Amino acid sequence: MSHTSLPPRMSISHTWGNNSTYSRDDSLSLPLTTPSPSGLYYANIVSDQQWFIVQVVNVVVISGLLSLFGVASNIINIVVFAKQGFQDSMNISLMGLAVSDLCSLLSMIWICICVNPLFYLSKLPFDPRDILYLTGVMPHFLFVKIATFITAFITFERCLCIAIPLKVKTTITPGRTKTIIVSTYITLSLLMIPFCLGNRLEWVFDYSMNSTMLKTTYTPEKEMLEAISFLALGVLTTTFSFVFVICCTIVLIVKLNSKTKWRQTTAAKSDRVAGGVGVKDQKVVKMVTFIAVIFIVCAVPPTLLFFYMLFDIDFRIDGFYKNLYLVIWSSAFLTETINSSVNIFVYLKMSSKYRAVFMKTFLKKEEK
């Protein structure tokens, strides 16, 4: 496979070492055994042909189809939560989660389109692979991080429901929940500003094409600005939210098991159990626990990759292991896509209120 068939920016990561003003192929390093046109080398652990196959199968086909399903499922989630109303703080949080999942999947669809050979080999006024990083990968990354923080907040709110059940409704009110969700969107978006200052889209005359093309251009401070966004969003926020969700999930599972055993031994028939946690609240706790477990499983690959990138400077988009890097990150994209798409099954299985609204709205049936 020729070099022109490889996307120069297919990943959630910064491109250290590129100080050029423009973003064409002379600034890229390619996989050791074969030199690139610029004379650089890369490790041939994964060949260009192998990466091309993974790119088409894993990204274009599998992630593309999952993303389409996820977009449809999250639109359904948004409609159902809107019909349920926003008097309950949990509904507000789940709506915020559905919106962030929807946005991450829409950007994932654009990524799938841009790495489709049928698209990027077409005659277009831009190279889809060149603008992919700025227009697809980073928006996807941002909304995945927003969804991560909202998941952390949801699990924390359920922990409070168990720890202080009689006070949680006055502590986590719908108004405060709205403020927290909106603040999460705004704060994490602000952390993207350094990256946007170092990367921009401009119309540039391409002498090889003899036409004006839309290209990604860089400022001299690109590396420093990307490092700020990478450390803030890629490492610190990812690590904090991931560890936080794990801790809260462990608490939920332990407390839920203890409450279940207590109910079995006492055979309580009231709607309240020890500590004042109701049966309905316990059902919500189970649902949140499932959502958190799915998130933890799907978030392991990208979280570990971000950490590894801190210690191996060759593991990057323009580094010594370029193709291996792309293959591994394409798999991480896949797990993120799964995480953003499957919550509808948890809601249908574990929330009678959601199921009733879903059946009435989309199937025109009343739940028995």
Foldseek 3Di string as FASTA:
>chain_A
DDPVLDQLAQFQAADPPQQAFFFDDLRFFDEAPDGDPVRHYAHVPDPPVNLLVLLCPLQQPQLLVLLVLLLVLLVLLLVLLVVVPLQDLLSVLVNLLSVLLNQLSVLSNLSSQLSPCVRQVDDDLARSSQCSCVRRNVSNLLSLLLSLVSLLVSLVLLLCCQVQVVCSCVVRGSVVSNVVSVVSSVVSVVLCVLQPQFKDWDFDQDPVVRGTHTGITGDSCNNVSSVSSCCVRVAPSLVVSLVSLVVSLVSLVVSLVVQVVQCVVVVDDDQATPSGRGPVSSLSSVLSSVLSVLCNVLSVQSNVVSVVCVPDVQLDCRHNHNSVNSSSRSVSSSSSSVSSRPSSVSCCVRPPSSVQSSCCPPVVDGDD
